Amino acid sequence: MSLPVTAIARVGVLTRDCRAAAAEYARFFGINDWRIAECAGQTTDGREFAHRQATGSANGVGFELIEPRSGPWAELLAACGEGPSHVVVPAAGWPALEAAQTQAGIATSAQHSENGGQRRLLASREALGGLTLVFADAPALAPYGEALHLPGEAVLPVQKLYQVSMMVRDLDAAKARFRELLGVEAWVDIGIDSSQMPGCEYYGEQVEHTARLAIGRRDGACFELVEPLTGPTVYRDALDRRGECVHHIMVSLAPPQDFERAAATLAPRGIVVGQSASIPGLMNFAYFDGGKPLAGLFVEVIQPLADNWLELMFPSPEIARIVVGD
């Protein structure tokens, strides 16, 4: 029995100032309406914890920006700095989750009531490449707290949560853990080799690098695992700085002209392109380094170069579905 992760309700990001981060997320993603709430609870070993959180969403893609005061999130922020840390998963039923946890050997690190519901943090970070799983029932996922309206128009409109990406040291071992613990059986393996991709850049400099990655899906939850190999990459930077960790999300496909316009708009605000490359005739891909404005979140953007780019890259409909969903 695997852990019931079949959808992702929110992407969680640790920040030192959730209000300031929410203002930048409004400007980047066009998420204008947020809720600010104070949360507190107790870990399974009896320690108190507290944090402030800002929650908002666009086109079904939810974010929660956690500003820790004490407890596990505060410890992770102190150890690894700001950045994406977890996903929030809708909890269908607590007894079934408990049974799955027992079989998977994944303990509960903390649990607390929230908005009349329950949230449970699992001690999954080490097993799942730096990913903490947070399960929440329907009341805990409902918007609550102080309403906050922030100005901002999406630089690149959010379409859907295509994937959440982790940086790992051993791709094969990570795939095996995701298969065993989360039931992710369907994977697409992809190699990144700058010798086959013209225009590979790392913060504006031409570079040579290699990496390998795998994209896996279980229903509505899609995960990408990346193992950097050689040369400078934002992947290697993340592993060196934060260890195995959640690194980036992909929420938009954009024509090259829209991407270039977004890059020009974001650079003066401190959000720059950290890495980019091209697969000739098919697509470009790039990662915005959210830096301080987005509290360490990287955002991948794919720029199709042909209307049928997905079919050309992945002729099998099932493989295409794994990569981008239905």
Protein backbone atom coordinates (compact mmCIF):
# COMPACT_ATOMS: atom_id res chain seq x y z
CA MET A 1 0.00 0.00 0.00
CA SER A 2 1.58 3.30 -1.11
CA LEU A 3 0.92 6.74 0.34
CA PRO A 4 -2.23 8.21 -1.31
CA VAL A 5 -0.62 11.05 -3.26
CA THR A 6 -2.78 11.42 -6.37
CA ALA A 7 -3.21 15.21 -6.47
CA ILE A 8 -1.39 18.30 -5.22
CA ALA A 9 -3.46 21.06 -3.69
CA ARG A 10 -0.63 23.48 -2.88
CA VAL A 11 3.10 23.95 -3.31
CA GLY A 12 4.73 25.01 -0.05
CA VAL A 13 7.58 27.51 0.20
CA LEU A 14 9.51 28.56 3.30
CA THR A 15 10.11 32.29 3.58
CA ARG A 16 11.24 34.79 6.20
CA ASP A 17 8.40 37.17 5.32
CA CYS A 18 5.23 35.65 3.89
CA ARG A 19 3.54 39.01 3.25
CA ALA A 20 6.45 40.31 1.20
CA ALA A 21 6.70 37.01 -0.68
CA ALA A 22 2.96 37.05 -1.40
CA ALA A 23 3.33 40.51 -2.94
CA GLU A 24 5.98 39.17 -5.34
CA TYR A 25 3.95 36.07 -6.16
CA ALA A 26 1.08 38.41 -7.03
CA ARG A 27 3.35 40.27 -9.47
CA PHE A 28 4.81 37.08 -11.00
CA PHE A 29 1.84 34.70 -11.07
CA GLY A 30 -1.02 37.19 -10.96
CA ILE A 31 -2.34 35.74 -7.69
CA ASN A 32 -4.04 38.77 -6.19
CA ASP A 33 -6.15 37.34 -3.37
CA TRP A 34 -4.41 35.81 -0.35
CA ARG A 35 -5.29 34.71 3.15
CA ILE A 36 -2.91 35.26 6.06
CA ALA A 37 -3.30 32.93 9.05
CA GLU A 38 -1.47 32.09 12.26
CA CYS A 39 -0.94 28.37 12.83
CA ALA A 40 0.34 26.43 15.83
CA GLY A 41 0.53 22.86 17.01
CA GLN A 42 2.70 20.18 18.52
CA THR A 43 5.16 17.72 17.06
CA THR A 44 4.87 14.03 17.82
CA ASP A 45 7.69 14.33 20.34
CA GLY A 46 5.85 17.05 22.25
CA ARG A 47 7.55 20.23 20.97
CA GLU A 48 5.47 23.31 20.24
CA PHE A 49 5.62 24.88 16.79
CA ALA A 50 4.14 27.98 15.22
CA HIS A 51 4.16 29.73 11.86
CA ARG A 52 2.36 32.35 9.82
CA GLN A 53 1.21 31.35 6.36
CA ALA A 54 -0.06 33.09 3.26
CA THR A 55 -2.21 31.00 0.91
CA GLY A 56 -3.37 31.86 -2.59
CA SER A 57 -4.13 30.18 -5.90
CA ALA A 58 -4.53 30.72 -9.64
CA ASN A 59 -6.20 28.34 -12.09
CA GLY A 60 -6.23 25.58 -9.51
CA VAL A 61 -2.52 25.93 -8.64
CA GLY A 62 -2.24 26.70 -4.95
CA PHE A 63 0.67 28.11 -2.96
CA GLU A 64 1.30 28.38 0.74
CA LEU A 65 4.12 30.60 1.89
CA ILE A 66 5.24 29.55 5.37
CA GLU A 67 6.95 32.03 7.70
CA PRO A 68 8.17 29.82 10.57
CA ARG A 69 8.39 30.98 14.16
CA SER A 70 9.41 27.70 15.80
CA GLY A 71 9.41 23.96 15.24
CA PRO A 72 10.23 21.81 12.18
CA TRP A 73 9.73 24.52 9.54
CA ALA A 74 11.95 26.92 11.50
CA GLU A 75 14.66 24.26 11.74
CA LEU A 76 14.50 23.57 8.02
CA LEU A 77 14.63 27.28 7.19
CA ALA A 78 17.70 27.69 9.41
CA ALA A 79 19.43 24.68 7.83
CA CYS A 80 18.56 25.17 4.15
CA GLY A 81 17.37 28.73 3.72
CA GLU A 82 14.31 29.98 1.89
CA GLY A 83 12.88 27.81 -0.84
CA PRO A 84 10.22 25.28 -1.81
CA SER A 85 9.91 22.56 0.79
CA HIS A 86 6.67 20.60 0.57
CA VAL A 87 3.43 19.82 -1.19
CA VAL A 88 0.01 19.78 0.39
CA VAL A 89 -2.04 16.72 -0.55
CA PRO A 90 -5.82 16.36 -0.07
CA ALA A 91 -6.48 13.76 2.62
CA ALA A 92 -9.28 11.40 1.62
CA GLY A 93 -9.36 9.60 4.97
CA TRP A 94 -7.08 9.49 8.00
CA PRO A 95 -7.38 5.74 8.77
CA ALA A 96 -6.33 4.84 5.22
CA LEU A 97 -3.43 7.27 5.43
CA GLU A 98 -2.31 5.82 8.75
CA ALA A 99 -2.37 2.31 7.31
CA ALA A 100 -0.33 3.45 4.31
CA GLN A 101 2.16 5.24 6.57
CA THR A 102 2.61 2.11 8.67
CA GLN A 103 3.30 -0.02 5.63
CA ALA A 104 5.62 2.56 4.08
CA GLY A 105 7.47 3.17 7.34
CA ILE A 106 6.89 6.95 7.16
CA ALA A 107 6.14 8.51 10.53
CA THR A 108 4.09 11.59 11.37
CA SER A 109 6.32 14.47 12.46
CA ALA A 110 3.54 16.90 13.43
CA GLN A 111 -0.21 17.29 13.31
CA HIS A 112 -2.49 20.18 14.20
CA SER A 113 -6.01 21.45 13.75
CA GLU A 114 -6.62 24.16 11.19
CA ASN A 115 -9.87 25.93 10.32
CA GLY A 116 -11.87 23.10 11.86
CA GLY A 117 -9.89 20.46 10.00
CA GLN A 118 -6.59 18.63 10.36
CA ARG A 119 -3.12 18.89 8.83
CA ARG A 120 -0.47 16.21 9.15
CA LEU A 121 3.22 16.58 8.29
CA LEU A 122 4.97 13.37 7.35
CA ALA A 123 8.64 12.68 8.01
CA SER A 124 9.22 12.01 4.32
CA ARG A 125 11.96 14.49 3.45
CA GLU A 126 14.91 12.11 3.64
CA ALA A 127 13.10 9.32 1.79
CA LEU A 128 11.68 11.48 -1.00
CA GLY A 129 14.55 13.64 -2.19
CA GLY A 130 13.88 16.55 0.15
CA LEU A 131 10.10 16.52 -0.32
CA THR A 132 7.92 16.86 2.78
CA LEU A 133 4.36 15.63 2.36
CA VAL A 134 1.61 17.50 4.17
CA PHE A 135 -1.86 15.97 4.16
CA ALA A 136 -4.86 18.20 4.82
CA ASP A 137 -8.58 17.48 4.89
CA ALA A 138 -11.23 19.64 3.22
CA PRO A 139 -11.78 22.14 6.07
CA ALA A 140 -8.03 22.66 6.45
CA LEU A 141 -7.75 23.37 2.71
CA ALA A 142 -10.59 25.91 2.67
CA PRO A 143 -9.47 29.58 2.54
CA TYR A 144 -9.43 31.25 5.95
CA GLY A 145 -7.65 34.01 7.84
CA GLU A 146 -7.09 37.68 7.07
CA ALA A 147 -8.03 38.55 3.49
CA LEU A 148 -5.27 40.35 1.60
CA HIS A 149 -5.68 41.77 -1.90
CA LEU A 150 -2.40 42.52 -3.68
CA PRO A 151 -1.83 44.25 -7.01
CA GLY A 152 -0.21 42.37 -9.86
CA GLU A 153 -0.76 41.11 -13.37
CA ALA A 154 0.65 37.72 -14.34
CA VAL A 155 3.92 38.00 -16.24
CA LEU A 156 3.35 34.41 -17.40
CA PRO A 157 -0.19 33.26 -16.59
CA VAL A 158 -0.48 30.06 -14.57
CA GLN A 159 -2.00 27.27 -16.66
CA LYS A 160 -1.74 24.28 -14.35
CA LEU A 161 0.78 22.51 -12.15
CA TYR A 162 2.60 20.43 -14.74
CA GLN A 163 5.24 19.13 -12.32
CA VAL A 164 7.11 19.56 -9.05
CA SER A 165 10.85 18.91 -9.38
CA MET A 166 13.37 17.55 -6.87
CA MET A 167 17.17 17.54 -7.10
CA VAL A 168 18.58 14.14 -6.12
CA ARG A 169 22.01 12.57 -5.89
CA ASP A 170 21.06 9.15 -7.28
CA LEU A 171 18.24 9.12 -9.84
CA ASP A 172 17.75 5.36 -9.85
CA ALA A 173 17.51 5.15 -6.08
CA ALA A 174 15.10 8.11 -5.97
CA LYS A 175 12.86 6.57 -8.62
CA ALA A 176 12.75 3.36 -6.64
CA ARG A 177 11.68 5.23 -3.50
CA PHE A 178 8.97 7.19 -5.31
CA ARG A 179 7.74 3.94 -6.84
CA GLU A 180 7.67 2.12 -3.51
CA LEU A 181 6.35 4.91 -1.28
CA LEU A 182 4.09 6.89 -3.62
CA GLY A 183 3.10 4.27 -6.17
CA VAL A 184 4.60 6.23 -9.09
CA GLU A 185 5.02 3.44 -11.61
CA ALA A 186 5.05 5.35 -14.92
CA TRP A 187 8.31 7.18 -15.70
CA VAL A 188 9.83 8.96 -18.68
CA ASP A 189 13.65 9.13 -18.67
CA ILE A 190 15.33 12.10 -20.35
CA GLY A 191 19.00 12.97 -20.76
CA ILE A 192 20.34 16.52 -20.85
CA ASP A 193 23.57 16.93 -22.83
CA SER A 194 24.71 20.38 -23.92
CA SER A 195 26.53 18.88 -26.92
CA GLN A 196 23.09 18.00 -28.33
CA MET A 197 21.41 21.24 -27.30
CA PRO A 198 22.64 24.48 -28.84
CA GLY A 199 22.75 27.62 -26.77
CA CYS A 200 23.04 26.04 -23.33
CA GLU A 201 23.52 28.91 -20.92
CA TYR A 202 24.09 29.22 -17.20
CA TYR A 203 23.33 32.74 -15.96
CA GLY A 204 24.00 34.14 -19.43
CA GLU A 205 27.27 32.25 -20.07
CA GLN A 206 27.66 29.48 -22.63
CA VAL A 207 28.44 26.25 -20.80
CA GLU A 208 28.75 22.51 -21.24
CA HIS A 209 26.87 20.28 -18.86
CA THR A 210 25.04 16.99 -18.52
CA ALA A 211 22.28 15.70 -16.31
CA ARG A 212 19.66 13.01 -16.32
CA LEU A 213 16.12 13.23 -15.18
CA ALA A 214 12.92 11.24 -14.91
CA ILE A 215 9.33 12.45 -14.95
CA GLY A 216 6.81 10.28 -13.13
CA ARG A 217 3.10 10.55 -12.61
CA ARG A 218 0.39 9.10 -10.44
CA ASP A 219 -2.99 10.42 -11.50
CA GLY A 220 -2.90 14.21 -11.02
CA ALA A 221 0.46 14.33 -9.22
CA CYS A 222 3.55 14.68 -11.42
CA PHE A 223 7.11 14.64 -10.09
CA GLU A 224 10.41 15.27 -11.83
CA LEU A 225 13.66 13.93 -10.37
CA VAL A 226 16.93 15.47 -11.58
CA GLU A 227 20.45 14.14 -11.04
CA PRO A 228 23.14 16.63 -12.17
CA LEU A 229 26.21 15.01 -13.69
CA THR A 230 28.83 17.37 -15.12
CA GLY A 231 29.31 21.09 -15.57
CA PRO A 232 27.65 24.09 -13.92
CA THR A 233 23.86 23.89 -13.54
CA VAL A 234 21.18 25.31 -11.30
CA TYR A 235 20.61 21.66 -10.37
CA ARG A 236 24.12 21.28 -8.92
CA ASP A 237 23.85 24.64 -7.18
CA ALA A 238 20.74 23.46 -5.35
CA LEU A 239 22.28 20.16 -4.24
CA ASP A 240 25.42 21.90 -3.00
CA ARG A 241 23.49 24.58 -1.14
CA ARG A 242 20.43 22.74 0.19
CA GLY A 243 21.10 19.03 -0.24
CA GLU A 244 18.38 16.93 -1.87
CA CYS A 245 15.50 19.33 -2.15
CA VAL A 246 12.44 20.59 -3.94
CA HIS A 247 13.78 23.00 -6.57
CA HIS A 248 11.31 24.19 -9.17
CA ILE A 249 7.82 23.94 -10.54
CA MET A 250 6.45 24.21 -14.06
CA VAL A 251 3.12 25.99 -14.47
CA SER A 252 3.33 27.60 -17.93
CA LEU A 253 4.00 26.85 -21.58
CA ALA A 254 4.71 30.06 -23.46
CA PRO A 255 5.67 31.10 -27.00
CA PRO A 256 9.31 32.32 -27.22
CA GLN A 257 8.24 35.93 -27.71
CA ASP A 258 6.14 35.84 -24.53
CA PHE A 259 9.03 34.30 -22.63
CA GLU A 260 11.49 36.96 -23.83
CA ARG A 261 9.05 39.69 -22.88
CA ALA A 262 8.67 38.14 -19.42
CA ALA A 263 12.46 37.84 -18.97
CA ALA A 264 12.92 41.51 -19.83
CA THR A 265 10.18 42.49 -17.38
CA LEU A 266 11.47 40.34 -14.52
CA ALA A 267 15.22 41.02 -14.69
CA PRO A 268 15.01 44.52 -13.17
CA ARG A 269 13.05 42.98 -10.28
CA GLY A 270 15.85 40.52 -9.51
CA ILE A 271 14.27 37.46 -11.15
CA VAL A 272 16.69 36.29 -13.84
CA VAL A 273 17.08 33.32 -16.17
CA GLY A 274 19.42 30.93 -14.40
CA GLN A 275 19.67 28.24 -17.05
CA SER A 276 18.36 27.72 -20.57
CA ALA A 277 18.77 25.47 -23.61
CA SER A 278 17.08 24.51 -26.86
CA ILE A 279 16.03 21.31 -28.58
CA PRO A 280 16.10 22.47 -32.22
CA GLY A 281 12.73 22.54 -33.94
CA LEU A 282 10.91 21.31 -30.84
CA MET A 283 11.21 23.60 -27.85
CA ASN A 284 13.30 25.84 -25.66
CA PHE A 285 13.32 25.47 -21.90
CA ALA A 286 14.53 27.81 -19.19
CA TYR A 287 14.44 28.34 -15.45
CA PHE A 288 13.68 31.64 -13.78
CA ASP A 289 15.70 32.02 -10.60
CA GLY A 290 13.15 33.48 -8.21
CA GLY A 291 15.88 34.50 -5.77
CA LYS A 292 14.83 36.69 -2.88
CA PRO A 293 11.58 37.94 -4.49
CA LEU A 294 10.08 34.44 -4.83
CA ALA A 295 11.79 33.11 -1.68
CA GLY A 296 14.11 30.75 -3.54
CA LEU A 297 11.57 29.18 -5.91
CA PHE A 298 12.75 28.39 -9.45
CA VAL A 299 10.12 28.35 -12.21
CA GLU A 300 10.59 26.34 -15.40
CA VAL A 301 9.04 27.59 -18.63
CA ILE A 302 8.83 25.51 -21.82
CA GLN A 303 8.62 27.45 -25.08
CA PRO A 304 7.21 25.29 -27.91
CA LEU A 305 8.83 25.83 -31.32
CA ALA A 306 6.24 23.79 -33.23
CA ASP A 307 2.52 23.27 -32.77
CA ASN A 308 3.08 19.51 -32.58
CA TRP A 309 6.24 19.66 -30.43
CA LEU A 310 4.86 17.26 -27.83
CA GLU A 311 3.90 14.65 -30.41
CA LEU A 312 7.32 14.96 -32.09
CA MET A 313 9.17 14.56 -28.79
CA PHE A 314 6.92 11.86 -27.37
CA PRO A 315 5.07 9.97 -30.15
CA SER A 316 3.43 7.70 -27.58
CA PRO A 317 0.25 9.34 -26.18
CA GLU A 318 0.82 7.62 -22.85
CA ILE A 319 4.33 9.05 -22.52
CA ALA A 320 3.03 12.50 -23.46
CA ARG A 321 0.34 12.16 -20.81
CA ILE A 322 2.94 11.36 -18.15
CA VAL A 323 4.87 14.50 -19.04
CA VAL A 324 2.08 17.10 -19.33
CA GLY A 325 -1.06 15.37 -18.06
CA ASP A 326 -4.44 15.14 -19.74
